[in-house]
Amino acid sequence: MNGKLLAIAWKEKPRAPMLTAERAIIDREAGLPGDFRGRSPDAQITIVFAEDWAQACRELGADVPWLARRANLLVAGIANPQSAGGIVRIGAATLEIMSETDPCSRMDAAHQGLRAALTPQWRGGVRTRVLEGGGIGVGDAVRLEA
């Protein structure tokens, strides 16, 4: 199953504004360099799926920017596997899906009801750990392997 990387983002500390880039180097030790959560072994890189985000926004009747999710990567064209263990290949990087990214109360601060809209079917995205680091860029192919 192939998709496309639409965006890259990170935050330097909790509650900090999201920063974006067209390209980045994913690292096995630090995840996405500059992201304060990158050293967490089971949540180095977070991914939100554009189709899930769009569904949540439709339910809200609002066009909420994806950065409100505070995830690292936005991908399109592949279905969220809604399970741990899958492999995601983006550019030169290989990531393993570890768990669901549970929506937190910050979602309702961004838009009332967003947390509930992201809760079903892992719409809040997935947490991954880095198996193999490497360069990624907006527009790169994304492959999901079971």
C-alpha atoms as a PDB file:
ATOM      1  CA  MET A   1       0.000   0.000   0.000  1.00  0.00           C
ATOM      2  CA  ASN A   2       1.559   3.331  -1.053  1.00  0.00           C
ATOM      3  CA  GLY A   3       0.860   6.843   0.093  1.00  0.00           C
ATOM      4  CA  LYS A   4       2.593  10.203   0.273  1.00  0.00           C
ATOM      5  CA  LEU A   5       4.209  12.323   2.984  1.00  0.00           C
ATOM      6  CA  LEU A   6       2.332  15.639   3.073  1.00  0.00           C
ATOM      7  CA  ALA A   7       4.001  17.452   5.981  1.00  0.00           C
ATOM      8  CA  ILE A   8       6.674  17.296   8.706  1.00  0.00           C
ATOM      9  CA  ALA A   9       6.406  19.037  12.090  1.00  0.00           C
ATOM     10  CA  TRP A  10       7.847  19.001  15.613  1.00  0.00           C
ATOM     11  CA  LYS A  11       7.787  20.896  18.883  1.00  0.00           C
ATOM     12  CA  GLU A  12      10.841  21.797  20.931  1.00  0.00           C
ATOM     13  CA  LYS A  13       9.078  21.504  24.300  1.00  0.00           C
ATOM     14  CA  PRO A  14       5.610  20.842  25.714  1.00  0.00           C
ATOM     15  CA  ARG A  15       3.023  23.403  24.622  1.00  0.00           C
ATOM     16  CA  ALA A  16       5.531  25.025  22.245  1.00  0.00           C
ATOM     17  CA  PRO A  17       4.315  26.048  18.800  1.00  0.00           C
ATOM     18  CA  MET A  18       4.713  23.469  16.063  1.00  0.00           C
ATOM     19  CA  LEU A  19       7.613  24.012  13.671  1.00  0.00           C
ATOM     20  CA  THR A  20       7.567  22.684  10.110  1.00  0.00           C
ATOM     21  CA  ALA A  21      10.089  21.749   7.438  1.00  0.00           C
ATOM     22  CA  GLU A  22      10.096  20.360   3.906  1.00  0.00           C
ATOM     23  CA  ARG A  23      12.890  17.881   4.735  1.00  0.00           C
ATOM     24  CA  ALA A  24      14.273  16.248   7.875  1.00  0.00           C
ATOM     25  CA  ILE A  25      16.658  13.543   8.993  1.00  0.00           C
ATOM     26  CA  ILE A  26      15.085  10.926  11.256  1.00  0.00           C
ATOM     27  CA  ASP A  27      17.520   9.543  13.815  1.00  0.00           C
ATOM     28  CA  ARG A  28      17.386   6.211  15.696  1.00  0.00           C
ATOM     29  CA  GLU A  29      18.300   7.900  18.976  1.00  0.00           C
ATOM     30  CA  ALA A  30      16.489  11.239  18.751  1.00  0.00           C
ATOM     31  CA  GLY A  31      13.584  10.545  16.413  1.00  0.00           C
ATOM     32  CA  LEU A  32      12.941  13.821  14.638  1.00  0.00           C
ATOM     33  CA  PRO A  33      15.797  16.109  15.740  1.00  0.00           C
ATOM     34  CA  GLY A  34      14.496  19.050  17.728  1.00  0.00           C
ATOM     35  CA  ASP A  35      11.326  17.266  18.827  1.00  0.00           C
ATOM     36  CA  PHE A  36      11.262  17.002  22.607  1.00  0.00           C
ATOM     37  CA  ARG A  37       9.513  13.606  22.521  1.00  0.00           C
ATOM     38  CA  GLY A  38      11.935  12.000  20.059  1.00  0.00           C
ATOM     39  CA  ARG A  39      13.901  10.098  22.697  1.00  0.00           C
ATOM     40  CA  SER A  40      10.835   8.252  24.008  1.00  0.00           C
ATOM     41  CA  PRO A  41      11.501   4.654  22.871  1.00  0.00           C
ATOM     42  CA  ASP A  42       7.887   3.811  22.005  1.00  0.00           C
ATOM     43  CA  ALA A  43       6.809   7.190  20.648  1.00  0.00           C
ATOM     44  CA  GLN A  44       9.704   8.698  18.734  1.00  0.00           C
ATOM     45  CA  ILE A  45       7.672   9.746  15.693  1.00  0.00           C
ATOM     46  CA  THR A  46       3.908  10.283  15.611  1.00  0.00           C
ATOM     47  CA  ILE A  47       1.917   9.967  12.394  1.00  0.00           C
ATOM     48  CA  VAL A  48      -1.566  11.229  11.603  1.00  0.00           C
ATOM     49  CA  PHE A  49      -3.384   9.993   8.500  1.00  0.00           C
ATOM     50  CA  ALA A  50      -4.918  12.743   6.351  1.00  0.00           C
ATOM     51  CA  GLU A  51      -8.084  10.776   5.635  1.00  0.00           C
ATOM     52  CA  ASP A  52      -8.705  10.198   9.368  1.00  0.00           C
ATOM     53  CA  TRP A  53      -8.070  13.873  10.093  1.00  0.00           C
ATOM     54  CA  ALA A  54     -10.497  14.892   7.340  1.00  0.00           C
ATOM     55  CA  GLN A  55     -13.171  12.561   8.740  1.00  0.00           C
ATOM     56  CA  ALA A  56     -12.794  14.064  12.215  1.00  0.00           C
ATOM     57  CA  CYS A  57     -13.075  17.581  10.743  1.00  0.00           C
ATOM     58  CA  ARG A  58     -16.209  16.610   8.786  1.00  0.00           C
ATOM     59  CA  GLU A  59     -17.807  15.331  11.993  1.00  0.00           C
ATOM     60  CA  LEU A  60     -16.962  18.634  13.674  1.00  0.00           C
ATOM     61  CA  GLY A  61     -18.151  20.674  10.725  1.00  0.00           C
ATOM     62  CA  ALA A  62     -14.858  22.590  10.944  1.00  0.00           C
ATOM     63  CA  ASP A  63     -11.639  22.915   8.988  1.00  0.00           C
ATOM     64  CA  VAL A  64      -9.071  22.490  11.769  1.00  0.00           C
ATOM     65  CA  PRO A  65      -5.403  22.687  10.658  1.00  0.00           C
ATOM     66  CA  TRP A  66      -3.605  19.349  11.044  1.00  0.00           C
ATOM     67  CA  LEU A  67      -0.933  21.004  13.219  1.00  0.00           C
ATOM     68  CA  ALA A  68      -3.542  21.180  15.992  1.00  0.00           C
ATOM     69  CA  ARG A  69      -3.013  17.403  16.302  1.00  0.00           C
ATOM     70  CA  ARG A  70       0.622  18.095  17.292  1.00  0.00           C
ATOM     71  CA  ALA A  71       1.865  15.027  15.383  1.00  0.00           C
ATOM     72  CA  ASN A  72       5.177  14.793  13.540  1.00  0.00           C
ATOM     73  CA  LEU A  73       4.084  13.521  10.155  1.00  0.00           C
ATOM     74  CA  LEU A  74       0.969  13.887   8.020  1.00  0.00           C
ATOM     75  CA  VAL A  75       0.534  11.143   5.427  1.00  0.00           C
ATOM     76  CA  ALA A  76      -2.143  10.556   2.803  1.00  0.00           C
ATOM     77  CA  GLY A  77      -3.194   7.713   0.573  1.00  0.00           C
ATOM     78  CA  ILE A  78      -2.766   4.856   3.032  1.00  0.00           C
ATOM     79  CA  ALA A  79      -5.219   3.589   5.594  1.00  0.00           C
ATOM     80  CA  ASN A  80      -4.409   3.744   9.279  1.00  0.00           C
ATOM     81  CA  PRO A  81      -3.725   0.087  10.193  1.00  0.00           C
ATOM     82  CA  GLN A  82      -5.297   0.541  13.655  1.00  0.00           C
ATOM     83  CA  SER A  83      -2.874  -1.971  15.133  1.00  0.00           C
ATOM     84  CA  ALA A  84       0.667  -2.199  16.432  1.00  0.00           C
ATOM     85  CA  GLY A  85       3.470  -4.026  14.676  1.00  0.00           C
ATOM     86  CA  GLY A  86       3.210  -2.642  11.158  1.00  0.00           C
ATOM     87  CA  ILE A  87       6.219  -1.150   9.381  1.00  0.00           C
ATOM     88  CA  VAL A  88       6.090   2.295   7.778  1.00  0.00           C
ATOM     89  CA  ARG A  89       8.754   3.229   5.222  1.00  0.00           C
ATOM     90  CA  ILE A  90       9.135   6.906   4.378  1.00  0.00           C
ATOM     91  CA  GLY A  91      12.057   8.082   2.275  1.00  0.00           C
ATOM     92  CA  ALA A  92      15.147   6.417   3.753  1.00  0.00           C
ATOM     93  CA  ALA A  93      13.536   5.879   7.191  1.00  0.00           C
ATOM     94  CA  THR A  94      11.843   2.774   8.573  1.00  0.00           C
ATOM     95  CA  LEU A  95       9.421   3.058  11.501  1.00  0.00           C
ATOM     96  CA  GLU A  96       7.581   0.430  13.549  1.00  0.00           C
ATOM     97  CA  ILE A  97       4.058   1.186  14.759  1.00  0.00           C
ATOM     98  CA  MET A  98       4.015   0.757  18.536  1.00  0.00           C
ATOM     99  CA  SER A  99       0.573   2.016  19.579  1.00  0.00           C
ATOM    100  CA  GLU A 100      -2.291   4.424  19.049  1.00  0.00           C
ATOM    101  CA  THR A 101      -1.684   8.101  19.775  1.00  0.00           C
ATOM    102  CA  ASP A 102      -4.493   8.819  22.221  1.00  0.00           C
ATOM    103  CA  PRO A 103      -6.058  12.252  21.763  1.00  0.00           C
ATOM    104  CA  CYS A 104      -5.533  14.454  24.823  1.00  0.00           C
ATOM    105  CA  SER A 105      -7.362  17.445  26.306  1.00  0.00           C
ATOM    106  CA  ARG A 106      -5.225  19.764  24.150  1.00  0.00           C
ATOM    107  CA  MET A 107      -7.388  18.704  21.217  1.00  0.00           C
ATOM    108  CA  ASP A 108     -10.477  20.326  22.740  1.00  0.00           C
ATOM    109  CA  ALA A 109      -8.441  23.453  23.423  1.00  0.00           C
ATOM    110  CA  ALA A 110      -7.759  23.606  19.663  1.00  0.00           C
ATOM    111  CA  HIS A 111     -11.413  22.992  18.777  1.00  0.00           C
ATOM    112  CA  GLN A 112     -14.235  21.862  21.050  1.00  0.00           C
ATOM    113  CA  GLY A 113     -15.133  18.234  20.324  1.00  0.00           C
ATOM    114  CA  LEU A 114     -11.895  17.412  18.484  1.00  0.00           C
ATOM    115  CA  ARG A 115     -10.793  14.921  21.128  1.00  0.00           C
ATOM    116  CA  ALA A 116     -13.995  12.901  20.758  1.00  0.00           C
ATOM    117  CA  ALA A 117     -13.825  13.096  16.950  1.00  0.00           C
ATOM    118  CA  LEU A 118     -10.283  11.658  17.005  1.00  0.00           C
ATOM    119  CA  THR A 119     -11.015   8.851  19.453  1.00  0.00           C
ATOM    120  CA  PRO A 120     -12.713   6.222  17.236  1.00  0.00           C
ATOM    121  CA  GLN A 121     -10.679   3.933  14.980  1.00  0.00           C
ATOM    122  CA  TRP A 122      -7.258   5.333  15.978  1.00  0.00           C
ATOM    123  CA  ARG A 123      -8.023   8.636  14.189  1.00  0.00           C
ATOM    124  CA  GLY A 124      -5.563  10.368  16.510  1.00  0.00           C
ATOM    125  CA  GLY A 125      -2.789   8.549  14.662  1.00  0.00           C
ATOM    126  CA  VAL A 126      -0.004   6.188  15.634  1.00  0.00           C
ATOM    127  CA  ARG A 127       3.174   6.263  17.701  1.00  0.00           C
ATOM    128  CA  THR A 128       6.237   4.726  16.124  1.00  0.00           C
ATOM    129  CA  ARG A 129       9.815   3.933  16.981  1.00  0.00           C
ATOM    130  CA  VAL A 130      12.677   4.365  14.558  1.00  0.00           C
ATOM    131  CA  LEU A 131      14.124   1.119  13.221  1.00  0.00           C
ATOM    132  CA  GLU A 132      16.277   2.797  10.584  1.00  0.00           C
ATOM    133  CA  GLY A 133      17.008   6.496  10.370  1.00  0.00           C
ATOM    134  CA  GLY A 134      17.417   8.525   7.224  1.00  0.00           C
ATOM    135  CA  GLY A 135      16.255  11.479   5.218  1.00  0.00           C
ATOM    136  CA  ILE A 136      12.586  12.199   4.549  1.00  0.00           C
ATOM    137  CA  GLY A 137      10.926  14.940   2.560  1.00  0.00           C
ATOM    138  CA  VAL A 138       7.472  16.227   1.753  1.00  0.00           C
ATOM    139  CA  GLY A 139       6.302  14.324  -1.306  1.00  0.00           C
ATOM    140  CA  ASP A 140       8.166  11.125  -0.438  1.00  0.00           C
ATOM    141  CA  ALA A 141       6.386   7.823  -0.965  1.00  0.00           C
ATOM    142  CA  VAL A 142       5.030   6.174   2.179  1.00  0.00           C
ATOM    143  CA  ARG A 143       4.657   2.408   2.288  1.00  0.00           C
ATOM    144  CA  LEU A 144       2.847   0.441   4.953  1.00  0.00           C
ATOM    145  CA  GLU A 145       3.802  -3.188   5.502  1.00  0.00           C
ATOM    146  CA  ALA A 146       1.820  -5.475   7.784  1.00  0.00           C
END
